[in-house]
């Protein structure tokens, strides 16, 4: 998904969201009134058990660490 930024004639920021819709097989552009973003990401409840079994390190948040 790609986000394009434009300004309205009043100078306020207008956010336009564009993406390819595979069902319609065309590019779609939307100007939403509101965008809701997930407040927090949490590791899967089984991540700690999987990390112990597979001996994969996790970070302080409980996510698998790269490296």
Protein backbone atom coordinates (compact mmCIF):
# COMPACT_ATOMS: atom_id res chain seq x y z
CA UNK A 1 0.00 0.00 0.00
CA UNK A 2 1.36 3.43 -0.91
CA UNK A 3 0.40 6.73 0.65
CA UNK A 4 0.39 9.99 -1.34
CA UNK A 5 0.23 13.34 0.47
CA UNK A 6 -1.54 16.38 -0.98
CA UNK A 7 -2.70 19.74 0.32
CA UNK A 8 -6.21 21.11 -0.04
CA UNK A 9 -6.91 24.66 -1.17
CA UNK A 10 -7.27 25.65 2.51
CA UNK A 11 -3.73 24.41 3.23
CA UNK A 12 -4.79 21.46 5.42
CA UNK A 13 -3.12 18.13 4.78
CA UNK A 14 -5.24 15.66 2.82
CA UNK A 15 -4.05 12.07 2.89
CA UNK A 16 -4.73 9.93 -0.11
CA UNK A 17 -4.22 6.18 0.09
CA UNK A 18 -3.60 4.22 -3.08
CA UNK A 19 -3.35 0.47 -3.60
CA UNK A 20 -3.84 -2.22 -6.23
CA UNK A 21 -7.10 -4.14 -5.81
CA UNK A 22 -6.53 -7.68 -7.10
CA UNK A 23 -10.29 -8.38 -7.32
CA UNK A 24 -11.01 -5.32 -9.47
CA UNK A 25 -7.58 -5.65 -11.12
CA UNK A 26 -7.03 -1.90 -10.99
CA UNK A 27 -5.41 0.81 -8.89
CA UNK A 28 -7.77 2.35 -6.31
CA UNK A 29 -7.31 5.71 -4.57
CA UNK A 30 -9.16 6.66 -1.40
CA UNK A 31 -9.30 9.84 0.66
CA UNK A 32 -10.39 8.54 4.06
CA UNK A 33 -11.98 10.65 6.79
CA UNK A 34 -10.07 8.69 9.41
CA UNK A 35 -7.29 6.12 9.53
CA UNK A 36 -7.24 3.71 12.47
CA UNK A 37 -3.85 2.29 13.43
CA UNK A 38 -3.25 -0.64 15.76
CA UNK A 39 -2.22 0.79 19.10
CA UNK A 40 0.28 -1.85 20.10
CA UNK A 41 1.81 -5.00 18.69
CA UNK A 42 2.25 -7.94 21.03
CA UNK A 43 4.09 -11.20 20.46
CA UNK A 44 2.00 -14.34 19.98
CA UNK A 45 1.17 -15.99 23.32
CA UNK A 46 3.12 -19.12 22.27
CA UNK A 47 6.25 -17.17 21.25
CA UNK A 48 8.07 -17.79 24.54
CA UNK A 49 7.45 -21.55 24.37
CA UNK A 50 8.47 -21.73 20.71
CA UNK A 51 11.65 -19.75 21.41
CA UNK A 52 12.63 -22.20 24.17
CA UNK A 53 11.92 -25.29 22.05
CA UNK A 54 13.72 -23.96 18.96
CA UNK A 55 16.39 -22.09 20.96
CA UNK A 56 15.61 -18.78 19.30
CA UNK A 57 16.47 -15.58 21.17
CA UNK A 58 13.76 -13.04 21.96
CA UNK A 59 14.08 -9.36 22.69
CA UNK A 60 12.93 -7.63 25.87
CA UNK A 61 9.40 -7.30 24.43
CA UNK A 62 9.11 -11.04 23.73
CA UNK A 63 9.50 -10.90 19.94
CA UNK A 64 11.93 -13.18 18.09
CA UNK A 65 15.19 -11.28 17.64
CA UNK A 66 17.11 -11.14 14.40
CA UNK A 67 20.63 -12.22 14.89
